[in-house]
C-alpha atoms as a PDB file:
ATOM      1  CA  MET A   1      70.596  85.803 101.752  1.00  0.00           C
ATOM      2  CA  TRP A   2      73.030  86.223 104.589  1.00  0.00           C
ATOM      3  CA  PRO A   3      72.696  84.475 107.938  1.00  0.00           C
ATOM      4  CA  GLY A   4      70.992  86.591 110.556  1.00  0.00           C
ATOM      5  CA  ILE A   5      69.016  88.862 108.215  1.00  0.00           C
ATOM      6  CA  LEU A   6      65.537  89.914 109.296  1.00  0.00           C
ATOM      7  CA  VAL A   7      62.857  88.998 106.770  1.00  0.00           C
ATOM      8  CA  GLY A   8      59.281  89.876 107.643  1.00  0.00           C
ATOM      9  CA  GLY A   9      60.249  90.362 111.286  1.00  0.00           C
ATOM     10  CA  ALA A  10      61.812  86.886 111.596  1.00  0.00           C
ATOM     11  CA  ARG A  11      65.539  86.220 111.681  1.00  0.00           C
ATOM     12  CA  VAL A  12      66.523  84.012 108.771  1.00  0.00           C
ATOM     13  CA  ALA A  13      69.482  81.661 108.873  1.00  0.00           C
ATOM     14  CA  ALA A  14      70.309  80.730 105.305  1.00  0.00           C
ATOM     15  CA  CYS A  15      73.232  79.253 103.458  1.00  0.00           C
ATOM     16  CA  ARG A  16      75.742  81.891 102.434  1.00  0.00           C
ATOM     17  CA  PHE A  17      76.130  80.405  98.954  1.00  0.00           C
ATOM     18  CA  PRO A  18      72.785  78.699  98.244  1.00  0.00           C
ATOM     19  CA  VAL A  19      73.321  78.471  94.469  1.00  0.00           C
ATOM     20  CA  LEU A  20      76.982  77.469  94.393  1.00  0.00           C
ATOM     21  CA  GLY A  21      78.201  73.952  95.001  1.00  0.00           C
ATOM     22  CA  PRO A  22      80.629  73.270  97.862  1.00  0.00           C
ATOM     23  CA  ARG A  23      83.736  73.591  95.644  1.00  0.00           C
ATOM     24  CA  LEU A  24      82.727  76.995  94.276  1.00  0.00           C
ATOM     25  CA  ALA A  25      81.473  78.165  97.665  1.00  0.00           C
ATOM     26  CA  ALA A  26      84.877  77.385  99.177  1.00  0.00           C
ATOM     27  CA  ARG A  27      86.588  79.169  96.304  1.00  0.00           C
ATOM     28  CA  PHE A  28      84.587  82.375  96.793  1.00  0.00           C
ATOM     29  CA  SER A  29      84.493  82.224 100.577  1.00  0.00           C
ATOM     30  CA  PRO A  30      86.099  85.190 102.361  1.00  0.00           C
ATOM     31  CA  ARG A  31      87.851  82.748 104.721  1.00  0.00           C
ATOM     32  CA  ARG A  32      90.918  82.049 102.619  1.00  0.00           C
ATOM     33  CA  THR A  33      94.391  81.243 103.784  1.00  0.00           C
ATOM     34  CA  PRO A  34      96.476  84.388 104.199  1.00  0.00           C
ATOM     35  CA  LYS A  35      98.713  85.380 101.313  1.00  0.00           C
ATOM     36  CA  THR A  36     102.440  85.578 101.880  1.00  0.00           C
ATOM     37  CA  GLY A  37     105.506  86.734 100.010  1.00  0.00           C
ATOM     38  CA  LEU A  38     105.108  87.652  96.356  1.00  0.00           C
ATOM     39  CA  ALA A  39     101.365  86.862  96.308  1.00  0.00           C
ATOM     40  CA  LEU A  40     100.807  89.308  99.175  1.00  0.00           C
ATOM     41  CA  GLN A  41     102.922  91.984  97.472  1.00  0.00           C
ATOM     42  CA  ARG A  42     100.977  91.603  94.204  1.00  0.00           C
ATOM     43  CA  SER A  43      97.659  91.708  96.045  1.00  0.00           C
ATOM     44  CA  LEU A  44      98.599  94.877  97.936  1.00  0.00           C
ATOM     45  CA  HIS A  45      99.839  96.538  94.742  1.00  0.00           C
ATOM     46  CA  ALA A  46      96.589  95.686  92.920  1.00  0.00           C
ATOM     47  CA  THR A  47      94.546  96.999  95.845  1.00  0.00           C
ATOM     48  CA  ALA A  48      96.508 100.271  95.931  1.00  0.00           C
ATOM     49  CA  ALA A  49      96.107 100.694  92.175  1.00  0.00           C
ATOM     50  CA  ARG A  50      92.324 100.328  92.494  1.00  0.00           C
ATOM     51  CA  ALA A  51      92.058 102.639  95.496  1.00  0.00           C
ATOM     52  CA  LEU A  52      90.108 105.797  94.836  1.00  0.00           C
ATOM     53  CA  PRO A  53      91.505 109.154  95.874  1.00  0.00           C
ATOM     54  CA  LEU A  54      89.991 110.832  98.904  1.00  0.00           C
ATOM     55  CA  ILE A  55      87.380 113.429  97.989  1.00  0.00           C
ATOM     56  CA  PRO A  56      86.724 116.211 100.496  1.00  0.00           C
ATOM     57  CA  ILE A  57      83.204 116.819 101.757  1.00  0.00           C
ATOM     58  CA  VAL A  58      81.840 120.314 102.373  1.00  0.00           C
ATOM     59  CA  VAL A  59      78.881 121.039 104.630  1.00  0.00           C
ATOM     60  CA  GLU A  60      76.431 123.755 103.677  1.00  0.00           C
ATOM     61  CA  GLN A  61      74.208 125.293 106.364  1.00  0.00           C
ATOM     62  CA  THR A  62      70.775 126.429 105.226  1.00  0.00           C
ATOM     63  CA  GLY A  63      67.572 127.414 106.970  1.00  0.00           C
ATOM     64  CA  ARG A  64      66.382 123.822 106.504  1.00  0.00           C
ATOM     65  CA  GLY A  65      69.467 122.275 108.113  1.00  0.00           C
ATOM     66  CA  GLU A  66      72.798 120.965 106.899  1.00  0.00           C
ATOM     67  CA  ARG A  67      73.623 119.344 103.609  1.00  0.00           C
ATOM     68  CA  ALA A  68      76.897 117.603 102.757  1.00  0.00           C
ATOM     69  CA  TYR A  69      78.357 117.656  99.237  1.00  0.00           C
ATOM     70  CA  ASP A  70      81.493 116.230  97.748  1.00  0.00           C
ATOM     71  CA  ILE A  71      83.678 119.176  96.744  1.00  0.00           C
ATOM     72  CA  TYR A  72      83.284 118.577  92.990  1.00  0.00           C
ATOM     73  CA  SER A  73      79.473 118.665  93.163  1.00  0.00           C
ATOM     74  CA  ARG A  74      79.669 121.895  95.121  1.00  0.00           C
ATOM     75  CA  LEU A  75      82.052 123.422  92.571  1.00  0.00           C
ATOM     76  CA  LEU A  76      79.787 122.334  89.708  1.00  0.00           C
ATOM     77  CA  ARG A  77      76.878 124.156  91.369  1.00  0.00           C
ATOM     78  CA  GLU A  78      79.061 127.268  91.241  1.00  0.00           C
ATOM     79  CA  ARG A  79      79.738 126.569  87.510  1.00  0.00           C
ATOM     80  CA  ILE A  80      83.356 125.524  88.112  1.00  0.00           C
ATOM     81  CA  VAL A  81      84.748 122.501  86.249  1.00  0.00           C
ATOM     82  CA  CYS A  82      88.022 120.891  87.390  1.00  0.00           C
ATOM     83  CA  VAL A  83      90.080 118.725  85.041  1.00  0.00           C
ATOM     84  CA  MET A  84      92.837 116.748  86.752  1.00  0.00           C
ATOM     85  CA  GLY A  85      95.251 114.145  85.492  1.00  0.00           C
ATOM     86  CA  PRO A  86      95.943 113.013  81.960  1.00  0.00           C
ATOM     87  CA  ILE A  87      93.157 113.692  79.492  1.00  0.00           C
ATOM     88  CA  ASP A  88      91.892 110.506  77.900  1.00  0.00           C
ATOM     89  CA  ASP A  89      88.550 109.567  76.341  1.00  0.00           C
ATOM     90  CA  SER A  90      86.775 109.034  79.658  1.00  0.00           C
ATOM     91  CA  VAL A  91      87.989 112.329  81.171  1.00  0.00           C
ATOM     92  CA  ALA A  92      87.038 114.192  77.992  1.00  0.00           C
ATOM     93  CA  SER A  93      83.558 112.632  78.076  1.00  0.00           C
ATOM     94  CA  LEU A  94      83.064 113.657  81.716  1.00  0.00           C
ATOM     95  CA  VAL A  95      84.134 117.235  81.018  1.00  0.00           C
ATOM     96  CA  ILE A  96      81.867 117.488  77.969  1.00  0.00           C
ATOM     97  CA  ALA A  97      78.937 116.146  79.999  1.00  0.00           C
ATOM     98  CA  GLN A  98      79.538 118.742  82.716  1.00  0.00           C
ATOM     99  CA  LEU A  99      79.824 121.561  80.179  1.00  0.00           C
ATOM    100  CA  LEU A 100      76.630 120.503  78.405  1.00  0.00           C
ATOM    101  CA  PHE A 101      74.796 120.304  81.734  1.00  0.00           C
ATOM    102  CA  LEU A 102      75.947 123.789  82.740  1.00  0.00           C
ATOM    103  CA  GLN A 103      75.023 125.192  79.322  1.00  0.00           C
ATOM    104  CA  SER A 104      71.536 123.704  79.596  1.00  0.00           C
ATOM    105  CA  GLU A 105      71.111 125.303  83.033  1.00  0.00           C
ATOM    106  CA  SER A 106      72.034 128.770  81.744  1.00  0.00           C
ATOM    107  CA  ASN A 107      73.882 129.697  78.581  1.00  0.00           C
ATOM    108  CA  LYS A 108      74.321 133.314  79.771  1.00  0.00           C
ATOM    109  CA  LYS A 109      76.390 132.686  82.923  1.00  0.00           C
ATOM    110  CA  PRO A 110      80.143 132.062  82.596  1.00  0.00           C
ATOM    111  CA  ILE A 111      81.723 128.657  83.225  1.00  0.00           C
ATOM    112  CA  HIS A 112      85.118 128.581  84.931  1.00  0.00           C
ATOM    113  CA  MET A 113      87.492 125.725  84.158  1.00  0.00           C
ATOM    114  CA  TYR A 114      90.621 124.782  86.074  1.00  0.00           C
ATOM    115  CA  ILE A 115      93.029 122.374  84.380  1.00  0.00           C
ATOM    116  CA  ASN A 116      95.742 120.479  86.241  1.00  0.00           C
ATOM    117  CA  SER A 117      97.001 118.004  83.694  1.00  0.00           C
END
């Protein structure tokens, strides 16, 4: 539990790391000394490598209000599958799953596929 969380209407002040001993709590604490030099460069590179690409959001207006979709969900509703980047096992599995889903929805309607690889 985090300090300052409301539980049953009462504010609870609890230890941030109740299970960990003081050595491990200090090791996993977000208050670390700042990285410098090569350690900072490696950390920034690792963070950039893990960063996810930005995915546009589209807003659909209906009689019941607005609904926001990520662009790929919206395209899938229109039976459009986009394949981007190198094709490896995980990308192939995602594409197959999308195609099987669309086929189960309707095997009569066409499926459009755009490949940028």
